[in-house]
Amino acid sequence: MRQPVVRCVEFVESVTDWMEGALTDDERVALEEHLTICPHCTEYLAQLRLSSAVLRAADRTTREAPPPEARQALLEAFRRRR
């Protein structure tokens, strides 16, 4: 059975659900078929995966709270910006 054509905007709207395995089989296949013909969405997916990996790595290395003086300086800077 031929899947409905997925446009780029639909890919972008659904890619997170696809990555989390939250799509139906038909939706998943349609998105994967779109990836085989669309270099733009393929690049978007690569960037999304890279961003996710960088954020996961940063999260593992920055578990400590900033020093009190840095925290205070940031809070003061935010208050001045209001």
PDB file of N, CA and C in Angstrom:
ATOM      1  N   MET A   1       0.837  -1.169   0.000  1.00  0.00           N
ATOM      2  CA  MET A   1       0.000   0.000   0.000  1.00  0.00           C
ATOM      3  C   MET A   1       0.891   1.245   0.000  1.00  0.00           C
ATOM      4  N   ARG A   2       0.598   2.183  -0.860  1.00  0.00           N
ATOM      5  CA  ARG A   2       1.371   3.420  -0.955  1.00  0.00           C
ATOM      6  C   ARG A   2       0.983   4.361   0.173  1.00  0.00           C
ATOM      7  N   GLN A   3       2.001   4.918   0.841  1.00  0.00           N
ATOM      8  CA  GLN A   3       1.784   5.844   1.943  1.00  0.00           C
ATOM      9  C   GLN A   3       1.454   7.235   1.401  1.00  0.00           C
ATOM     10  N   PRO A   4       0.708   8.029   2.165  1.00  0.00           N
ATOM     11  CA  PRO A   4       0.454   9.407   1.744  1.00  0.00           C
ATOM     12  C   PRO A   4       1.768  10.182   1.693  1.00  0.00           C
ATOM     13  N   VAL A   5       1.840  11.138   0.787  1.00  0.00           N
ATOM     14  CA  VAL A   5       3.041  11.940   0.636  1.00  0.00           C
ATOM     15  C   VAL A   5       3.169  12.880   1.830  1.00  0.00           C
ATOM     16  N   VAL A   6       4.361  12.942   2.381  1.00  0.00           N
ATOM     17  CA  VAL A   6       4.644  13.819   3.508  1.00  0.00           C
ATOM     18  C   VAL A   6       5.382  15.037   2.974  1.00  0.00           C
ATOM     19  N   ARG A   7       4.903  16.216   3.341  1.00  0.00           N
ATOM     20  CA  ARG A   7       5.603  17.446   2.981  1.00  0.00           C
ATOM     21  C   ARG A   7       6.617  17.763   4.077  1.00  0.00           C
ATOM     22  N   CYS A   8       7.562  18.640   3.764  1.00  0.00           N
ATOM     23  CA  CYS A   8       8.606  18.991   4.728  1.00  0.00           C
ATOM     24  C   CYS A   8       8.019  19.532   6.026  1.00  0.00           C
ATOM     25  N   VAL A   9       7.027  20.384   5.934  1.00  0.00           N
ATOM     26  CA  VAL A   9       6.435  20.955   7.144  1.00  0.00           C
ATOM     27  C   VAL A   9       5.830  19.857   8.019  1.00  0.00           C
ATOM     28  N   GLU A  10       5.246  18.858   7.418  1.00  0.00           N
ATOM     29  CA  GLU A  10       4.689  17.742   8.176  1.00  0.00           C
ATOM     30  C   GLU A  10       5.798  16.905   8.811  1.00  0.00           C
ATOM     31  N   PHE A  11       6.908  16.760   8.091  1.00  0.00           N
ATOM     32  CA  PHE A  11       8.052  16.045   8.648  1.00  0.00           C
ATOM     33  C   PHE A  11       8.549  16.747   9.914  1.00  0.00           C
ATOM     34  N   VAL A  12       8.746  18.064   9.808  1.00  0.00           N
ATOM     35  CA  VAL A  12       9.252  18.846  10.943  1.00  0.00           C
ATOM     36  C   VAL A  12       8.300  18.746  12.127  1.00  0.00           C
ATOM     37  N   GLU A  13       7.009  18.784  11.865  1.00  0.00           N
ATOM     38  CA  GLU A  13       6.017  18.701  12.944  1.00  0.00           C
ATOM     39  C   GLU A  13       5.994  17.327  13.614  1.00  0.00           C
ATOM     40  N   SER A  14       6.405  16.292  12.900  1.00  0.00           N
ATOM     41  CA  SER A  14       6.277  14.923  13.408  1.00  0.00           C
ATOM     42  C   SER A  14       7.593  14.252  13.781  1.00  0.00           C
ATOM     43  N   VAL A  15       8.711  14.883  13.481  1.00  0.00           N
ATOM     44  CA  VAL A  15       9.993  14.211  13.642  1.00  0.00           C
ATOM     45  C   VAL A  15      10.281  13.815  15.087  1.00  0.00           C
ATOM     46  N   THR A  16       9.886  14.632  16.047  1.00  0.00           N
ATOM     47  CA  THR A  16      10.133  14.289  17.445  1.00  0.00           C
ATOM     48  C   THR A  16       9.351  13.038  17.837  1.00  0.00           C
ATOM     49  N   ASP A  17       8.085  12.973  17.437  1.00  0.00           N
ATOM     50  CA  ASP A  17       7.294  11.768  17.704  1.00  0.00           C
ATOM     51  C   ASP A  17       7.917  10.561  17.027  1.00  0.00           C
ATOM     52  N   TRP A  18       8.433  10.738  15.816  1.00  0.00           N
ATOM     53  CA  TRP A  18       9.086   9.648  15.087  1.00  0.00           C
ATOM     54  C   TRP A  18      10.314   9.163  15.861  1.00  0.00           C
ATOM     55  N   MET A  19      11.125  10.109  16.345  1.00  0.00           N
ATOM     56  CA  MET A  19      12.336   9.737  17.075  1.00  0.00           C
ATOM     57  C   MET A  19      12.001   9.015  18.375  1.00  0.00           C
ATOM     58  N   GLU A  20      10.857   9.328  18.963  1.00  0.00           N
ATOM     59  CA  GLU A  20      10.448   8.703  20.220  1.00  0.00           C
ATOM     60  C   GLU A  20       9.637   7.427  20.006  1.00  0.00           C
ATOM     61  N   GLY A  21       9.408   7.054  18.750  1.00  0.00           N
ATOM     62  CA  GLY A  21       8.650   5.841  18.461  1.00  0.00           C
ATOM     63  C   GLY A  21       7.172   5.973  18.746  1.00  0.00           C
ATOM     64  N   ALA A  22       6.647   7.205  18.652  1.00  0.00           N
ATOM     65  CA  ALA A  22       5.258   7.453  19.023  1.00  0.00           C
ATOM     66  C   ALA A  22       4.310   7.540  17.827  1.00  0.00           C
ATOM     67  N   LEU A  23       4.778   7.175  16.637  1.00  0.00           N
ATOM     68  CA  LEU A  23       3.918   7.226  15.451  1.00  0.00           C
ATOM     69  C   LEU A  23       3.344   5.857  15.143  1.00  0.00           C
ATOM     70  N   THR A  24       2.247   5.866  14.413  1.00  0.00           N
ATOM     71  CA  THR A  24       1.715   4.587  13.916  1.00  0.00           C
ATOM     72  C   THR A  24       2.676   4.053  12.867  1.00  0.00           C
ATOM     73  N   ASP A  25       2.535   2.796  12.517  1.00  0.00           N
ATOM     74  CA  ASP A  25       3.405   2.215  11.490  1.00  0.00           C
ATOM     75  C   ASP A  25       3.281   2.966  10.169  1.00  0.00           C
ATOM     76  N   ASP A  26       2.057   3.323   9.783  1.00  0.00           N
ATOM     77  CA  ASP A  26       1.847   4.044   8.528  1.00  0.00           C
ATOM     78  C   ASP A  26       2.511   5.422   8.556  1.00  0.00           C
ATOM     79  N   GLU A  27       2.381   6.135   9.669  1.00  0.00           N
ATOM     80  CA  GLU A  27       3.012   7.451   9.794  1.00  0.00           C
ATOM     81  C   GLU A  27       4.535   7.331   9.751  1.00  0.00           C
ATOM     82  N   ARG A  28       5.064   6.328  10.441  1.00  0.00           N
ATOM     83  CA  ARG A  28       6.506   6.105  10.462  1.00  0.00           C
ATOM     84  C   ARG A  28       7.040   5.826   9.068  1.00  0.00           C
ATOM     85  N   VAL A  29       6.384   4.955   8.353  1.00  0.00           N
ATOM     86  CA  VAL A  29       6.818   4.605   6.995  1.00  0.00           C
ATOM     87  C   VAL A  29       6.758   5.824   6.081  1.00  0.00           C
ATOM     88  N   ALA A  30       5.706   6.612   6.196  1.00  0.00           N
ATOM     89  CA  ALA A  30       5.579   7.810   5.361  1.00  0.00           C
ATOM     90  C   ALA A  30       6.720   8.786   5.629  1.00  0.00           C
ATOM     91  N   LEU A  31       7.066   9.003   6.885  1.00  0.00           N
ATOM     92  CA  LEU A  31       8.174   9.904   7.202  1.00  0.00           C
ATOM     93  C   LEU A  31       9.498   9.342   6.701  1.00  0.00           C
ATOM     94  N   GLU A  32       9.701   8.061   6.862  1.00  0.00           N
ATOM     95  CA  GLU A  32      10.945   7.442   6.401  1.00  0.00           C
ATOM     96  C   GLU A  32      11.056   7.481   4.876  1.00  0.00           C
ATOM     97  N   GLU A  33       9.939   7.326   4.175  1.00  0.00           N
ATOM     98  CA  GLU A  33       9.951   7.462   2.714  1.00  0.00           C
ATOM     99  C   GLU A  33      10.319   8.893   2.322  1.00  0.00           C
ATOM    100  N   HIS A  34       9.799   9.870   3.052  1.00  0.00           N
ATOM    101  CA  HIS A  34      10.130  11.263   2.777  1.00  0.00           C
ATOM    102  C   HIS A  34      11.631  11.494   2.937  1.00  0.00           C
ATOM    103  N   LEU A  35      12.225  10.903   3.958  1.00  0.00           N
ATOM    104  CA  LEU A  35      13.664  11.068   4.175  1.00  0.00           C
ATOM    105  C   LEU A  35      14.494  10.530   3.018  1.00  0.00           C
ATOM    106  N   THR A  36      13.991   9.529   2.323  1.00  0.00           N
ATOM    107  CA  THR A  36      14.765   8.959   1.214  1.00  0.00           C
ATOM    108  C   THR A  36      14.818   9.880   0.005  1.00  0.00           C
ATOM    109  N   ILE A  37      13.909  10.858  -0.065  1.00  0.00           N
ATOM    110  CA  ILE A  37      13.883  11.739  -1.240  1.00  0.00           C
ATOM    111  C   ILE A  37      14.157  13.200  -0.928  1.00  0.00           C
ATOM    112  N   CYS A  38      14.280  13.552   0.357  1.00  0.00           N
ATOM    113  CA  CYS A  38      14.404  14.968   0.714  1.00  0.00           C
ATOM    114  C   CYS A  38      15.726  15.244   1.433  1.00  0.00           C
ATOM    115  N   PRO A  39      16.681  15.829   0.734  1.00  0.00           N
ATOM    116  CA  PRO A  39      17.961  16.135   1.392  1.00  0.00           C
ATOM    117  C   PRO A  39      17.824  17.198   2.479  1.00  0.00           C
ATOM    118  N   HIS A  40      16.849  18.080   2.353  1.00  0.00           N
ATOM    119  CA  HIS A  40      16.663  19.133   3.355  1.00  0.00           C
ATOM    120  C   HIS A  40      16.225  18.543   4.690  1.00  0.00           C
ATOM    121  N   CYS A  41      15.266  17.658   4.663  1.00  0.00           N
ATOM    122  CA  CYS A  41      14.798  17.033   5.899  1.00  0.00           C
ATOM    123  C   CYS A  41      15.841  16.061   6.455  1.00  0.00           C
ATOM    124  N   THR A  42      16.604  15.434   5.585  1.00  0.00           N
ATOM    125  CA  THR A  42      17.692  14.572   6.033  1.00  0.00           C
ATOM    126  C   THR A  42      18.713  15.396   6.806  1.00  0.00           C
ATOM    127  N   GLU A  43      19.047  16.579   6.293  1.00  0.00           N
ATOM    128  CA  GLU A  43      19.978  17.478   6.975  1.00  0.00           C
ATOM    129  C   GLU A  43      19.371  17.995   8.279  1.00  0.00           C
ATOM    130  N   TYR A  44      18.094  18.337   8.254  1.00  0.00           N
ATOM    131  CA  TYR A  44      17.402  18.793   9.467  1.00  0.00           C
ATOM    132  C   TYR A  44      17.474  17.722  10.548  1.00  0.00           C
ATOM    133  N   LEU A  45      17.222  16.474  10.173  1.00  0.00           N
ATOM    134  CA  LEU A  45      17.277  15.371  11.124  1.00  0.00           C
ATOM    135  C   LEU A  45      18.689  15.212  11.677  1.00  0.00           C
ATOM    136  N   ALA A  46      19.693  15.316  10.825  1.00  0.00           N
ATOM    137  CA  ALA A  46      21.082  15.208  11.289  1.00  0.00           C
ATOM    138  C   ALA A  46      21.403  16.315  12.293  1.00  0.00           C
ATOM    139  N   GLN A  47      20.954  17.527  12.016  1.00  0.00           N
ATOM    140  CA  GLN A  47      21.186  18.646  12.937  1.00  0.00           C
ATOM    141  C   GLN A  47      20.451  18.431  14.257  1.00  0.00           C
ATOM    142  N   LEU A  48      19.244  17.926  14.181  1.00  0.00           N
ATOM    143  CA  LEU A  48      18.463  17.654  15.386  1.00  0.00           C
ATOM    144  C   LEU A  48      19.143  16.594  16.245  1.00  0.00           C
ATOM    145  N   ARG A  49      19.625  15.548  15.613  1.00  0.00           N
ATOM    146  CA  ARG A  49      20.320  14.492  16.352  1.00  0.00           C
ATOM    147  C   ARG A  49      21.610  15.019  16.980  1.00  0.00           C
ATOM    148  N   LEU A  50      22.353  15.836  16.237  1.00  0.00           N
ATOM    149  CA  LEU A  50      23.589  16.410  16.776  1.00  0.00           C
ATOM    150  C   LEU A  50      23.280  17.323  17.963  1.00  0.00           C
ATOM    151  N   SER A  51      22.269  18.158  17.826  1.00  0.00           N
ATOM    152  CA  SER A  51      21.875  19.053  18.927  1.00  0.00           C
ATOM    153  C   SER A  51      21.492  18.248  20.163  1.00  0.00           C
ATOM    154  N   SER A  52      20.740  17.186  19.971  1.00  0.00           N
ATOM    155  CA  SER A  52      20.326  16.336  21.094  1.00  0.00           C
ATOM    156  C   SER A  52      21.536  15.704  21.766  1.00  0.00           C
ATOM    157  N   ALA A  53      22.487  15.242  20.974  1.00  0.00           N
ATOM    158  CA  ALA A  53      23.692  14.618  21.532  1.00  0.00           C
ATOM    159  C   ALA A  53      24.514  15.630  22.315  1.00  0.00           C
ATOM    160  N   VAL A  54      24.648  16.836  21.786  1.00  0.00           N
ATOM    161  CA  VAL A  54      25.413  17.882  22.483  1.00  0.00           C
ATOM    162  C   VAL A  54      24.736  18.239  23.800  1.00  0.00           C
ATOM    163  N   LEU A  55      23.430  18.376  23.787  1.00  0.00           N
ATOM    164  CA  LEU A  55      22.710  18.705  25.016  1.00  0.00           C
ATOM    165  C   LEU A  55      22.819  17.590  26.057  1.00  0.00           C
ATOM    166  N   ARG A  56      22.742  16.335  25.598  1.00  0.00           N
ATOM    167  CA  ARG A  56      22.891  15.219  26.540  1.00  0.00           C
ATOM    168  C   ARG A  56      24.286  15.220  27.149  1.00  0.00           C
ATOM    169  N   ALA A  57      25.303  15.461  26.325  1.00  0.00           N
ATOM    170  CA  ALA A  57      26.683  15.492  26.826  1.00  0.00           C
ATOM    171  C   ALA A  57      26.871  16.649  27.802  1.00  0.00           C
ATOM    172  N   ALA A  58      26.327  17.803  27.489  1.00  0.00           N
ATOM    173  CA  ALA A  58      26.451  18.960  28.374  1.00  0.00           C
ATOM    174  C   ALA A  58      25.738  18.700  29.692  1.00  0.00           C
ATOM    175  N   ASP A  59      24.597  18.044  29.628  1.00  0.00           N
ATOM    176  CA  ASP A  59      23.832  17.759  30.837  1.00  0.00           C
ATOM    177  C   ASP A  59      24.624  16.844  31.764  1.00  0.00           C
ATOM    178  N   ARG A  60      25.375  15.911  31.203  1.00  0.00           N
ATOM    179  CA  ARG A  60      26.163  14.991  32.029  1.00  0.00           C
ATOM    180  C   ARG A  60      27.339  15.700  32.689  1.00  0.00           C
ATOM    181  N   THR A  61      27.824  16.778  32.086  1.00  0.00           N
ATOM    182  CA  THR A  61      29.012  17.436  32.619  1.00  0.00           C
ATOM    183  C   THR A  61      28.700  18.661  33.472  1.00  0.00           C
ATOM    184  N   THR A  62      27.458  19.107  33.497  1.00  0.00           N
ATOM    185  CA  THR A  62      27.139  20.343  34.223  1.00  0.00           C
ATOM    186  C   THR A  62      26.096  20.111  35.308  1.00  0.00           C
ATOM    187  N   ARG A  63      26.264  19.100  36.048  1.00  0.00           N
ATOM    188  CA  ARG A  63      25.309  18.784  37.114  1.00  0.00           C
ATOM    189  C   ARG A  63      25.475  19.691  38.331  1.00  0.00           C
ATOM    190  N   GLU A  64      26.636  20.329  38.476  1.00  0.00           N
ATOM    191  CA  GLU A  64      26.869  21.169  39.645  1.00  0.00           C
ATOM    192  C   GLU A  64      26.283  22.556  39.441  1.00  0.00           C
ATOM    193  N   ALA A  65      25.791  23.129  40.521  1.00  0.00           N
ATOM    194  CA  ALA A  65      25.275  24.495  40.475  1.00  0.00           C
ATOM    195  C   ALA A  65      26.449  25.464  40.316  1.00  0.00           C
ATOM    196  N   PRO A  66      26.188  26.602  39.693  1.00  0.00           N
ATOM    197  CA  PRO A  66      27.274  27.582  39.573  1.00  0.00           C
ATOM    198  C   PRO A  66      27.672  28.094  40.954  1.00  0.00           C
ATOM    199  N   PRO A  67      28.887  28.610  41.068  1.00  0.00           N
ATOM    200  CA  PRO A  67      29.299  29.173  42.361  1.00  0.00           C
ATOM    201  C   PRO A  67      28.356  30.302  42.762  1.00  0.00           C
ATOM    202  N   PRO A  68      28.187  30.548  44.060  1.00  0.00           N
ATOM    203  CA  PRO A  68      27.242  31.578  44.527  1.00  0.00           C
ATOM    204  C   PRO A  68      27.487  32.947  43.899  1.00  0.00           C
ATOM    205  N   GLU A  69      28.750  33.344  43.729  1.00  0.00           N
ATOM    206  CA  GLU A  69      29.015  34.664  43.151  1.00  0.00           C
ATOM    207  C   GLU A  69      28.598  34.734  41.683  1.00  0.00           C
ATOM    208  N   ALA A  70      28.747  33.649  40.945  1.00  0.00           N
ATOM    209  CA  ALA A  70      28.313  33.622  39.540  1.00  0.00           C
ATOM    210  C   ALA A  70      26.791  33.656  39.466  1.00  0.00           C
ATOM    211  N   ARG A  71      26.149  32.911  40.345  1.00  0.00           N
ATOM    212  CA  ARG A  71      24.684  32.911  40.382  1.00  0.00           C
ATOM    213  C   ARG A  71      24.158  34.312  40.685  1.00  0.00           C
ATOM    214  N   GLN A  72      24.756  34.966  41.667  1.00  0.00           N
ATOM    215  CA  GLN A  72      24.327  36.309  42.041  1.00  0.00           C
ATOM    216  C   GLN A  72      24.539  37.293  40.893  1.00  0.00           C
ATOM    217  N   ALA A  73      25.671  37.199  40.216  1.00  0.00           N
ATOM    218  CA  ALA A  73      25.951  38.092  39.087  1.00  0.00           C
ATOM    219  C   ALA A  73      24.938  37.890  37.963  1.00  0.00           C
ATOM    220  N   LEU A  74      24.572  36.650  37.702  1.00  0.00           N
ATOM    221  CA  LEU A  74      23.564  36.372  36.670  1.00  0.00           C
ATOM    222  C   LEU A  74      22.205  36.934  37.061  1.00  0.00           C
ATOM    223  N   LEU A  75      21.813  36.726  38.300  1.00  0.00           N
ATOM    224  CA  LEU A  75      20.523  37.247  38.758  1.00  0.00           C
ATOM    225  C   LEU A  75      20.477  38.771  38.641  1.00  0.00           C
ATOM    226  N   GLU A  76      21.556  39.433  39.019  1.00  0.00           N
ATOM    227  CA  GLU A  76      21.599  40.892  38.914  1.00  0.00           C
ATOM    228  C   GLU A  76      21.526  41.343  37.460  1.00  0.00           C
ATOM    229  N   ALA A  77      22.216  40.630  36.580  1.00  0.00           N
ATOM    230  CA  ALA A  77      22.184  40.980  35.150  1.00  0.00           C
ATOM    231  C   ALA A  77      20.774  40.815  34.597  1.00  0.00           C
ATOM    232  N   PHE A  78      20.091  39.743  34.966  1.00  0.00           N
ATOM    233  CA  PHE A  78      18.713  39.540  34.496  1.00  0.00           C
ATOM    234  C   PHE A  78      17.781  40.627  35.020  1.00  0.00           C
ATOM    235  N   ARG A  79      17.965  41.003  36.272  1.00  0.00           N
ATOM    236  CA  ARG A  79      17.113  42.059  36.848  1.00  0.00           C
ATOM    237  C   ARG A  79      17.329  43.388  36.138  1.00  0.00           C
ATOM    238  N   ARG A  80      18.570  43.707  35.784  1.00  0.00           N
ATOM    239  CA  ARG A  80      18.853  44.951  35.068  1.00  0.00           C
ATOM    240  C   ARG A  80      18.227  44.958  33.684  1.00  0.00           C
ATOM    241  N   ARG A  81      18.090  43.813  33.065  1.00  0.00           N
ATOM    242  CA  ARG A  81      17.538  43.708  31.704  1.00  0.00           C
ATOM    243  C   ARG A  81      16.044  43.923  31.680  1.00  0.00           C
ATOM    244  N   ARG A  82      15.366  43.774  32.785  1.00  0.00           N
ATOM    245  CA  ARG A  82      13.907  43.956  32.826  1.00  0.00           C
ATOM    246  C   ARG A  82      13.636  45.380  32.599  1.00  0.00           C
TER     247      ARG A  82
END
